[in-house]
C-alpha atoms as a PDB file:
ATOM      1  CA  MET A   1    -100.367  83.271  38.356  1.00  0.00           C
ATOM      2  CA  THR A   2     -98.221  86.269  38.946  1.00  0.00           C
ATOM      3  CA  LEU A   3     -94.544  86.243  39.739  1.00  0.00           C
ATOM      4  CA  ARG A   4     -95.489  87.394  43.091  1.00  0.00           C
ATOM      5  CA  ASP A   5     -97.685  84.443  43.704  1.00  0.00           C
ATOM      6  CA  ARG A   6     -95.065  82.047  42.608  1.00  0.00           C
ATOM      7  CA  LEU A   7     -92.519  83.538  44.971  1.00  0.00           C
ATOM      8  CA  GLY A   8     -94.952  83.161  47.687  1.00  0.00           C
ATOM      9  CA  ASP A   9     -95.583  79.594  47.000  1.00  0.00           C
ATOM     10  CA  LEU A  10     -91.655  79.017  46.942  1.00  0.00           C
ATOM     11  CA  LEU A  11     -91.274  80.734  50.123  1.00  0.00           C
ATOM     12  CA  GLY A  12     -94.089  78.736  51.739  1.00  0.00           C
ATOM     13  CA  PHE A  13     -92.297  75.538  50.562  1.00  0.00           C
ATOM     14  CA  GLY A  14     -89.127  76.592  51.983  1.00  0.00           C
ATOM     15  CA  ILE A  15     -91.004  77.177  55.334  1.00  0.00           C
ATOM     16  CA  VAL A  16     -92.563  73.669  55.244  1.00  0.00           C
ATOM     17  CA  ILE A  17     -89.080  72.168  54.760  1.00  0.00           C
ATOM     18  CA  LEU A  18     -87.727  74.253  57.774  1.00  0.00           C
ATOM     19  CA  THR A  19     -90.682  73.198  59.839  1.00  0.00           C
ATOM     20  CA  LEU A  20     -90.057  69.570  59.061  1.00  0.00           C
ATOM     21  CA  ALA A  21     -86.292  69.856  59.728  1.00  0.00           C
ATOM     22  CA  SER A  22     -87.054  71.385  63.235  1.00  0.00           C
ATOM     23  CA  THR A  23     -88.393  68.167  64.246  1.00  0.00           C
ATOM     24  CA  PRO A  24     -85.730  65.535  63.972  1.00  0.00           C
ATOM     25  CA  ASN A  25     -86.627  61.882  63.014  1.00  0.00           C
ATOM     26  CA  THR A  26     -85.013  59.820  65.914  1.00  0.00           C
ATOM     27  CA  SER A  27     -86.663  56.568  64.988  1.00  0.00           C
ATOM     28  CA  PHE A  28     -83.616  55.529  62.852  1.00  0.00           C
ATOM     29  CA  ALA A  29     -81.001  57.286  64.835  1.00  0.00           C
ATOM     30  CA  VAL A  30     -77.730  55.587  65.513  1.00  0.00           C
ATOM     31  CA  PRO A  31     -76.022  57.110  68.496  1.00  0.00           C
ATOM     32  CA  PHE A  32     -72.876  54.708  68.437  1.00  0.00           C
ATOM     33  CA  ALA A  33     -71.307  53.820  65.157  1.00  0.00           C
ATOM     34  CA  TYR A  34     -67.725  53.929  64.050  1.00  0.00           C
ATOM     35  CA  GLY A  35     -64.892  52.666  61.601  1.00  0.00           C
ATOM     36  CA  PHE A  36     -61.291  53.003  61.124  1.00  0.00           C
ATOM     37  CA  GLU A  37     -58.696  53.231  58.320  1.00  0.00           C
ATOM     38  CA  LEU A  38     -55.291  51.888  58.316  1.00  0.00           C
ATOM     39  CA  PRO A  39     -52.251  51.103  55.703  1.00  0.00           C
ATOM     40  CA  THR A  40     -52.067  47.377  55.061  1.00  0.00           C
ATOM     41  CA  ARG A  41     -48.561  47.577  53.404  1.00  0.00           C
ATOM     42  CA  TYR A  42     -45.400  48.909  54.871  1.00  0.00           C
ATOM     43  CA  ARG A  43     -41.934  48.770  53.182  1.00  0.00           C
ATOM     44  CA  VAL A  44     -39.393  49.463  55.989  1.00  0.00           C
ATOM     45  CA  THR A  45     -35.633  49.870  56.256  1.00  0.00           C
ATOM     46  CA  SER A  46     -33.404  47.930  58.568  1.00  0.00           C
ATOM     47  CA  GLY A  47     -33.400  49.353  62.047  1.00  0.00           C
ATOM     48  CA  GLU A  48     -36.207  51.999  61.426  1.00  0.00           C
ATOM     49  CA  VAL A  49     -38.645  52.454  64.138  1.00  0.00           C
ATOM     50  CA  VAL A  50     -42.078  51.767  62.492  1.00  0.00           C
ATOM     51  CA  SER A  51     -45.277  53.304  63.659  1.00  0.00           C
ATOM     52  CA  ILE A  52     -48.569  51.287  62.763  1.00  0.00           C
ATOM     53  CA  THR A  53     -51.065  53.960  62.342  1.00  0.00           C
ATOM     54  CA  GLY A  54     -54.922  54.108  62.138  1.00  0.00           C
ATOM     55  CA  THR A  55     -57.551  56.671  62.008  1.00  0.00           C
ATOM     56  CA  LEU A  56     -60.745  56.507  63.976  1.00  0.00           C
ATOM     57  CA  ILE A  57     -63.981  57.798  62.369  1.00  0.00           C
ATOM     58  CA  ASN A  58     -67.105  58.499  64.218  1.00  0.00           C
ATOM     59  CA  LEU A  59     -70.007  57.272  62.159  1.00  0.00           C
ATOM     60  CA  GLY A  60     -72.678  57.721  64.720  1.00  0.00           C
ATOM     61  CA  ASP A  61     -75.092  60.662  65.870  1.00  0.00           C
ATOM     62  CA  GLU A  62     -73.370  61.255  69.279  1.00  0.00           C
ATOM     63  CA  PRO A  63     -69.827  62.422  70.047  1.00  0.00           C
ATOM     64  CA  ILE A  64     -67.406  59.645  71.342  1.00  0.00           C
ATOM     65  CA  VAL A  65     -66.161  60.965  74.594  1.00  0.00           C
ATOM     66  CA  PHE A  66     -63.035  58.920  75.830  1.00  0.00           C
ATOM     67  CA  ALA A  67     -62.090  58.441  79.440  1.00  0.00           C
ATOM     68  CA  PRO A  68     -59.540  60.883  80.832  1.00  0.00           C
ATOM     69  CA  HIS A  69     -57.223  58.165  81.549  1.00  0.00           C
ATOM     70  CA  PRO A  70     -58.312  54.858  79.778  1.00  0.00           C
ATOM     71  CA  THR A  71     -56.745  51.738  80.562  1.00  0.00           C
ATOM     72  CA  ALA A  72     -57.685  48.038  79.838  1.00  0.00           C
ATOM     73  CA  ILE A  73     -61.338  47.308  79.974  1.00  0.00           C
ATOM     74  CA  SER A  74     -60.610  44.366  82.268  1.00  0.00           C
ATOM     75  CA  LEU A  75     -59.418  46.968  84.821  1.00  0.00           C
ATOM     76  CA  GLY A  76     -62.766  48.808  84.685  1.00  0.00           C
ATOM     77  CA  PHE A  77     -65.871  49.450  82.651  1.00  0.00           C
ATOM     78  CA  PRO A  78     -66.420  52.922  81.128  1.00  0.00           C
ATOM     79  CA  SER A  79     -68.672  54.000  84.107  1.00  0.00           C
ATOM     80  CA  ALA A  80     -65.645  53.393  86.340  1.00  0.00           C
ATOM     81  CA  GLN A  81     -63.160  55.006  83.946  1.00  0.00           C
ATOM     82  CA  GLY A  82     -65.344  58.007  83.089  1.00  0.00           C
ATOM     83  CA  GLY A  83     -65.848  57.644  79.423  1.00  0.00           C
ATOM     84  CA  VAL A  84     -65.351  55.389  76.399  1.00  0.00           C
ATOM     85  CA  VAL A  85     -62.711  52.844  76.614  1.00  0.00           C
ATOM     86  CA  PRO A  86     -60.571  51.830  73.521  1.00  0.00           C
ATOM     87  CA  GLY A  87     -58.843  48.445  72.822  1.00  0.00           C
ATOM     88  CA  PHE A  88     -57.275  46.420  70.053  1.00  0.00           C
ATOM     89  CA  SER A  89     -56.019  43.156  69.128  1.00  0.00           C
ATOM     90  CA  PHE A  90     -54.076  41.311  66.343  1.00  0.00           C
ATOM     91  CA  GLY A  91     -52.344  38.000  65.686  1.00  0.00           C
ATOM     92  CA  ASN A  92     -48.877  37.306  64.452  1.00  0.00           C
ATOM     93  CA  SER A  93     -48.481  34.998  61.410  1.00  0.00           C
ATOM     94  CA  LEU A  94     -45.993  32.265  62.437  1.00  0.00           C
ATOM     95  CA  SER A  95     -45.430  31.572  58.855  1.00  0.00           C
ATOM     96  CA  ALA A  96     -43.818  35.015  58.274  1.00  0.00           C
ATOM     97  CA  ASP A  97     -39.916  35.490  58.156  1.00  0.00           C
ATOM     98  CA  TRP A  98     -40.009  37.291  61.461  1.00  0.00           C
ATOM     99  CA  LEU A  99     -42.190  38.872  63.981  1.00  0.00           C
ATOM    100  CA  ILE A 100     -42.847  42.111  65.188  1.00  0.00           C
ATOM    101  CA  ALA A 101     -43.450  40.990  68.708  1.00  0.00           C
ATOM    102  CA  ASP A 102     -39.661  39.954  68.691  1.00  0.00           C
ATOM    103  CA  HIS A 103     -38.564  43.441  67.793  1.00  0.00           C
ATOM    104  CA  GLY A 104     -39.733  45.652  70.533  1.00  0.00           C
ATOM    105  CA  PHE A 105     -43.382  46.162  69.770  1.00  0.00           C
ATOM    106  CA  THR A 106     -44.971  48.406  72.402  1.00  0.00           C
ATOM    107  CA  SER A 107     -48.295  50.249  72.284  1.00  0.00           C
ATOM    108  CA  GLY A 108     -49.390  53.580  73.792  1.00  0.00           C
ATOM    109  CA  LEU A 109     -52.727  53.347  72.495  1.00  0.00           C
ATOM    110  CA  PHE A 110     -54.627  54.251  75.814  1.00  0.00           C
ATOM    111  CA  THR A 111     -52.649  57.404  76.524  1.00  0.00           C
ATOM    112  CA  GLN A 112     -53.525  58.773  72.925  1.00  0.00           C
ATOM    113  CA  PHE A 113     -56.977  58.430  73.509  1.00  0.00           C
ATOM    114  CA  GLY A 114     -57.117  60.038  76.946  1.00  0.00           C
ATOM    115  CA  GLY A 115     -59.568  62.810  76.979  1.00  0.00           C
ATOM    116  CA  VAL A 116     -60.341  62.820  73.363  1.00  0.00           C
ATOM    117  CA  THR A 117     -63.654  63.721  72.035  1.00  0.00           C
ATOM    118  CA  VAL A 118     -64.527  62.800  68.313  1.00  0.00           C
ATOM    119  CA  THR A 119     -67.625  64.523  67.097  1.00  0.00           C
ATOM    120  CA  PRO A 120     -70.047  62.924  64.533  1.00  0.00           C
ATOM    121  CA  GLY A 121     -68.470  62.731  61.147  1.00  0.00           C
ATOM    122  CA  GLN A 122     -65.002  63.691  62.375  1.00  0.00           C
ATOM    123  CA  SER A 123     -61.767  61.378  62.552  1.00  0.00           C
ATOM    124  CA  PHE A 124     -59.110  60.880  65.041  1.00  0.00           C
ATOM    125  CA  PRO A 125     -55.504  59.724  63.915  1.00  0.00           C
ATOM    126  CA  PHE A 126     -53.751  57.303  66.451  1.00  0.00           C
ATOM    127  CA  VAL A 127     -50.886  54.745  66.499  1.00  0.00           C
ATOM    128  CA  PHE A 128     -51.583  51.147  67.393  1.00  0.00           C
ATOM    129  CA  GLY A 129     -47.979  50.623  68.323  1.00  0.00           C
ATOM    130  CA  THR A 130     -44.286  50.822  67.373  1.00  0.00           C
ATOM    131  CA  PHE A 131     -41.469  48.305  66.761  1.00  0.00           C
ATOM    132  CA  GLN A 132     -38.022  48.399  65.340  1.00  0.00           C
ATOM    133  CA  ALA A 133     -37.468  46.775  62.058  1.00  0.00           C
ATOM    134  CA  PRO A 134     -34.748  43.971  62.295  1.00  0.00           C
ATOM    135  CA  THR A 135     -31.254  44.485  61.319  1.00  0.00           C
ATOM    136  CA  ASP A 136     -30.536  40.790  61.054  1.00  0.00           C
ATOM    137  CA  GLN A 137     -33.000  39.926  58.330  1.00  0.00           C
ATOM    138  CA  PRO A 138     -32.409  40.199  54.596  1.00  0.00           C
ATOM    139  CA  ARG A 139     -34.175  42.577  52.203  1.00  0.00           C
ATOM    140  CA  GLY A 140     -37.245  41.088  50.973  1.00  0.00           C
ATOM    141  CA  SER A 141     -38.214  39.269  54.118  1.00  0.00           C
ATOM    142  CA  SER A 142     -41.409  40.266  55.814  1.00  0.00           C
ATOM    143  CA  ALA A 143     -43.528  40.093  58.929  1.00  0.00           C
ATOM    144  CA  LEU A 144     -47.461  39.790  58.909  1.00  0.00           C
ATOM    145  CA  ILE A 145     -50.183  40.615  61.793  1.00  0.00           C
ATOM    146  CA  THR A 146     -53.470  39.388  61.062  1.00  0.00           C
ATOM    147  CA  GLY A 147     -57.111  40.155  62.120  1.00  0.00           C
ATOM    148  CA  VAL A 148     -56.256  43.721  63.417  1.00  0.00           C
ATOM    149  CA  THR A 149     -59.381  44.806  65.358  1.00  0.00           C
ATOM    150  CA  LEU A 150     -60.337  48.241  67.017  1.00  0.00           C
ATOM    151  CA  GLU A 151     -62.663  47.735  70.069  1.00  0.00           C
ATOM    152  CA  LEU A 152     -64.625  50.729  71.556  1.00  0.00           C
ATOM    153  CA  PHE A 153     -66.268  50.147  74.919  1.00  0.00           C
ATOM    154  CA  PHE A 154     -68.883  52.891  74.631  1.00  0.00           C
ATOM    155  CA  THR A 155     -70.744  52.177  77.805  1.00  0.00           C
ATOM    156  CA  ASP A 156     -70.801  49.180  80.295  1.00  0.00           C
ATOM    157  CA  THR A 157     -73.285  47.606  78.032  1.00  0.00           C
ATOM    158  CA  VAL A 158     -72.696  48.913  74.444  1.00  0.00           C
ATOM    159  CA  TRP A 159     -69.819  47.503  72.886  1.00  0.00           C
ATOM    160  CA  GLY A 160     -67.981  47.813  69.541  1.00  0.00           C
ATOM    161  CA  THR A 161     -65.607  45.611  67.614  1.00  0.00           C
ATOM    162  CA  ASN A 162     -64.911  44.612  64.007  1.00  0.00           C
ATOM    163  CA  SER A 163     -64.475  40.884  65.178  1.00  0.00           C
ATOM    164  CA  ASP A 164     -66.787  38.268  66.795  1.00  0.00           C
ATOM    165  CA  LEU A 165     -68.535  38.867  69.994  1.00  0.00           C
ATOM    166  CA  SER A 166     -70.934  36.600  71.881  1.00  0.00           C
ATOM    167  CA  LYS A 167     -72.667  36.019  75.191  1.00  0.00           C
ATOM    168  CA  GLN A 168     -73.641  32.617  76.212  1.00  0.00           C
ATOM    169  CA  GLY A 169     -77.368  32.046  75.717  1.00  0.00           C
ATOM    170  CA  VAL A 170     -77.912  35.631  74.962  1.00  0.00           C
ATOM    171  CA  PHE A 171     -76.401  36.528  71.545  1.00  0.00           C
ATOM    172  CA  SER A 172     -73.698  35.506  69.086  1.00  0.00           C
ATOM    173  CA  TYR A 173     -72.662  37.730  66.321  1.00  0.00           C
ATOM    174  CA  PHE A 174     -69.931  36.949  63.667  1.00  0.00           C
ATOM    175  CA  LEU A 175     -68.007  39.517  61.583  1.00  0.00           C
ATOM    176  CA  ASP A 176     -64.951  38.486  59.698  1.00  0.00           C
ATOM    177  CA  ASN A 177     -63.870  42.266  59.240  1.00  0.00           C
ATOM    178  CA  GLY A 178     -60.309  42.115  60.603  1.00  0.00           C
ATOM    179  CA  VAL A 179     -57.230  43.444  58.563  1.00  0.00           C
ATOM    180  CA  SER A 180     -54.087  41.912  57.767  1.00  0.00           C
ATOM    181  CA  VAL A 181     -50.976  44.138  57.701  1.00  0.00           C
ATOM    182  CA  SER A 182     -47.466  43.255  56.056  1.00  0.00           C
ATOM    183  CA  PHE A 183     -44.304  44.679  56.849  1.00  0.00           C
ATOM    184  CA  THR A 184     -41.370  43.988  54.182  1.00  0.00           C
ATOM    185  CA  LEU A 185     -37.803  44.994  54.406  1.00  0.00           C
ATOM    186  CA  ALA A 186     -36.596  47.402  51.568  1.00  0.00           C
ATOM    187  CA  ASN A 187     -34.159  49.912  50.502  1.00  0.00           C
ATOM    188  CA  ASN A 188     -36.772  52.736  51.060  1.00  0.00           C
ATOM    189  CA  ASP A 189     -39.672  53.128  53.273  1.00  0.00           C
ATOM    190  CA  SER A 190     -43.271  53.604  52.167  1.00  0.00           C
ATOM    191  CA  VAL A 191     -46.783  53.147  53.350  1.00  0.00           C
ATOM    192  CA  THR A 192     -49.641  52.065  51.013  1.00  0.00           C
ATOM    193  CA  GLN A 193     -53.029  50.444  50.421  1.00  0.00           C
ATOM    194  CA  GLU A 194     -55.170  51.964  52.832  1.00  0.00           C
ATOM    195  CA  ARG A 195     -58.298  49.690  54.119  1.00  0.00           C
ATOM    196  CA  PHE A 196     -61.530  50.821  55.877  1.00  0.00           C
ATOM    197  CA  ARG A 197     -63.258  48.737  58.333  1.00  0.00           C
ATOM    198  CA  GLU A 198     -66.583  49.506  60.050  1.00  0.00           C
ATOM    199  CA  GLY A 199     -67.126  48.009  63.463  1.00  0.00           C
ATOM    200  CA  MET A 200     -70.535  46.617  64.810  1.00  0.00           C
ATOM    201  CA  VAL A 201     -71.962  47.884  67.868  1.00  0.00           C
ATOM    202  CA  ILE A 202     -74.050  45.581  70.038  1.00  0.00           C
ATOM    203  CA  ASP A 203     -75.941  46.139  73.264  1.00  0.00           C
ATOM    204  CA  ILE A 204     -74.561  43.169  75.230  1.00  0.00           C
ATOM    205  CA  ALA A 205     -77.469  43.364  77.738  1.00  0.00           C
ATOM    206  CA  THR A 206     -80.132  42.690  75.201  1.00  0.00           C
ATOM    207  CA  GLY A 207     -78.096  41.354  72.284  1.00  0.00           C
ATOM    208  CA  GLU A 208     -79.316  44.034  69.887  1.00  0.00           C
ATOM    209  CA  LEU A 209     -77.290  44.922  67.119  1.00  0.00           C
ATOM    210  CA  LEU A 210     -77.335  48.778  67.076  1.00  0.00           C
ATOM    211  CA  SER A 211     -75.032  49.565  64.027  1.00  0.00           C
ATOM    212  CA  GLY A 212     -72.598  47.576  61.886  1.00  0.00           C
ATOM    213  CA  PRO A 213     -71.673  46.904  58.057  1.00  0.00           C
ATOM    214  CA  ARG A 214     -72.975  44.452  55.760  1.00  0.00           C
ATOM    215  CA  GLY A 215     -71.777  40.858  56.458  1.00  0.00           C
ATOM    216  CA  VAL A 216     -72.686  40.791  60.075  1.00  0.00           C
ATOM    217  CA  LEU A 217     -74.021  37.404  60.745  1.00  0.00           C
ATOM    218  CA  LYS A 218     -76.414  36.575  63.963  1.00  0.00           C
ATOM    219  CA  CYS A 219     -75.773  32.866  65.051  1.00  0.00           C
ATOM    220  CA  ASP A 220     -77.390  30.632  67.452  1.00  0.00           C
ATOM    221  CA  ALA A 221     -76.277  31.787  70.893  1.00  0.00           C
ATOM    222  CA  ASN A 222     -75.685  28.229  72.205  1.00  0.00           C
ATOM    223  CA  ILE A 223     -73.484  26.899  69.615  1.00  0.00           C
ATOM    224  CA  PRO A 224     -70.068  27.631  68.132  1.00  0.00           C
ATOM    225  CA  PHE A 225     -69.568  30.442  65.684  1.00  0.00           C
ATOM    226  CA  GLY A 226     -70.470  29.805  62.096  1.00  0.00           C
ATOM    227  CA  VAL A 227     -73.276  27.417  62.823  1.00  0.00           C
ATOM    228  CA  GLY A 228     -76.903  28.315  62.238  1.00  0.00           C
ATOM    229  CA  CYS A 229     -76.078  31.912  61.297  1.00  0.00           C
ATOM    230  CA  VAL A 230     -78.208  34.376  59.177  1.00  0.00           C
ATOM    231  CA  PRO A 231     -77.237  37.913  57.925  1.00  0.00           C
ATOM    232  CA  VAL A 232     -78.524  40.750  59.898  1.00  0.00           C
ATOM    233  CA  THR A 233     -78.883  44.404  58.943  1.00  0.00           C
ATOM    234  CA  ALA A 234     -78.311  47.287  61.615  1.00  0.00           C
ATOM    235  CA  PRO A 235     -80.415  50.449  61.543  1.00  0.00           C
ATOM    236  CA  GLU A 236     -79.286  53.052  59.031  1.00  0.00           C
ATOM    237  CA  THR A 237     -78.703  56.505  60.077  1.00  0.00           C
ATOM    238  CA  VAL A 238     -80.846  59.511  58.759  1.00  0.00           C
ATOM    239  CA  PRO A 239     -79.609  62.892  57.733  1.00  0.00           C
ATOM    240  CA  GLU A 240     -78.918  65.136  60.844  1.00  0.00           C
ATOM    241  CA  PRO A 241     -81.525  67.747  61.562  1.00  0.00           C
ATOM    242  CA  THR A 242     -78.913  70.428  60.942  1.00  0.00           C
ATOM    243  CA  THR A 243     -78.238  69.022  57.281  1.00  0.00           C
ATOM    244  CA  LEU A 244     -82.037  69.154  56.479  1.00  0.00           C
ATOM    245  CA  LEU A 245     -82.156  72.658  57.863  1.00  0.00           C
ATOM    246  CA  LEU A 246     -79.538  73.916  55.563  1.00  0.00           C
ATOM    247  CA  TRP A 247     -81.007  72.212  52.742  1.00  0.00           C
ATOM    248  CA  GLY A 248     -84.477  73.891  53.625  1.00  0.00           C
ATOM    249  CA  THR A 249     -82.776  77.312  53.934  1.00  0.00           C
ATOM    250  CA  THR A 250     -81.113  76.954  50.681  1.00  0.00           C
ATOM    251  CA  MET A 251     -84.183  75.966  49.038  1.00  0.00           C
ATOM    252  CA  ALA A 252     -86.018  78.983  50.455  1.00  0.00           C
ATOM    253  CA  GLY A 253     -83.321  81.240  49.477  1.00  0.00           C
ATOM    254  CA  LEU A 254     -83.391  80.032  45.842  1.00  0.00           C
ATOM    255  CA  GLY A 255     -87.107  80.713  45.740  1.00  0.00           C
ATOM    256  CA  LEU A 256     -86.774  84.137  46.881  1.00  0.00           C
ATOM    257  CA  ALA A 257     -83.783  84.828  44.542  1.00  0.00           C
ATOM    258  CA  ARG A 258     -85.176  83.720  41.314  1.00  0.00           C
ATOM    259  CA  TRP A 259     -88.050  81.597  39.845  1.00  0.00           C
ATOM    260  CA  GLY A 260     -87.604  79.105  37.143  1.00  0.00           C
ATOM    261  CA  GLN A 261     -83.751  78.996  37.183  1.00  0.00           C
ATOM    262  CA  LYS A 262     -81.962  75.946  37.964  1.00  0.00           C
END
C-alpha cells in the first residue's frame, strides 16, 4: 500500500468520525444536572462580617437560565417567575457555642441569581448569606450549620436538591448529601476544606430520577424515609457533539499531517 493510499484511508477514518459526531446521541442526554462547592471550615475574627460562599456548577447539557427577579418558590413556580428559581436551607447546631442566627444572618441569594445564565460546564460563585462574628464569645468558640442544601427549581415539575424529596404515593427519594460548615473564632481569618456536592434532579410529575450522584436511594412512596429503600442510578451524560467533532477533526488532521507518528 502506498503512502498516498494510507493517507486516503486515514482521511476516510476522520470523515467517518465527523459524520458520527454530526448526529448527536440524545438517548442518554441529561438536560438538567448540577452540583456545588463550598468551604466547610471558617476561622473568623471577632466582629468580622463573614460571607458564606458557594459555587454552582452546571453538570447538565442545557444552560441554567434563572428568573429575572427570582423569589421564594412558595411565591411562584418557574413558569410564573420566568426562569429557574434557586433556594437553600440549613440547620443550626444547638450544641455549638453560639448561633449565626443570633448574629445578624441575612441572605441575598435571590438577588445574586437574578437573570444569570450558567452554560454547561461553567460555574457561578455566590454567597449563601452573611453574619457578623460575635464580640462576646472567647477565641476557640464556634458555631456550626448542618445539612446545607442548594435547591434548583428548573421547571414547574423538574426539581433539584441535595436532600430528601418525596411526593405522597408517587415517589420518595433519600439523599444524605448535605454539608456541615463550622465557624471558629480565631486571631486570623481563613477559609479551608472545600467540599463538592452533586444534587439529584427529579421529575416530580412522574417520579423519575433525571440525574444525581451515587448514593441516591428510592424508597417506598407510602412509608417514611429510610424504609424499603434501594439504590438507584441516574442516566449518565455522553460527550457533547462538539467534543466529538473536535476529536474527529483532530484525528483527521493528524492523518493528513503524518502517517505512523504518535
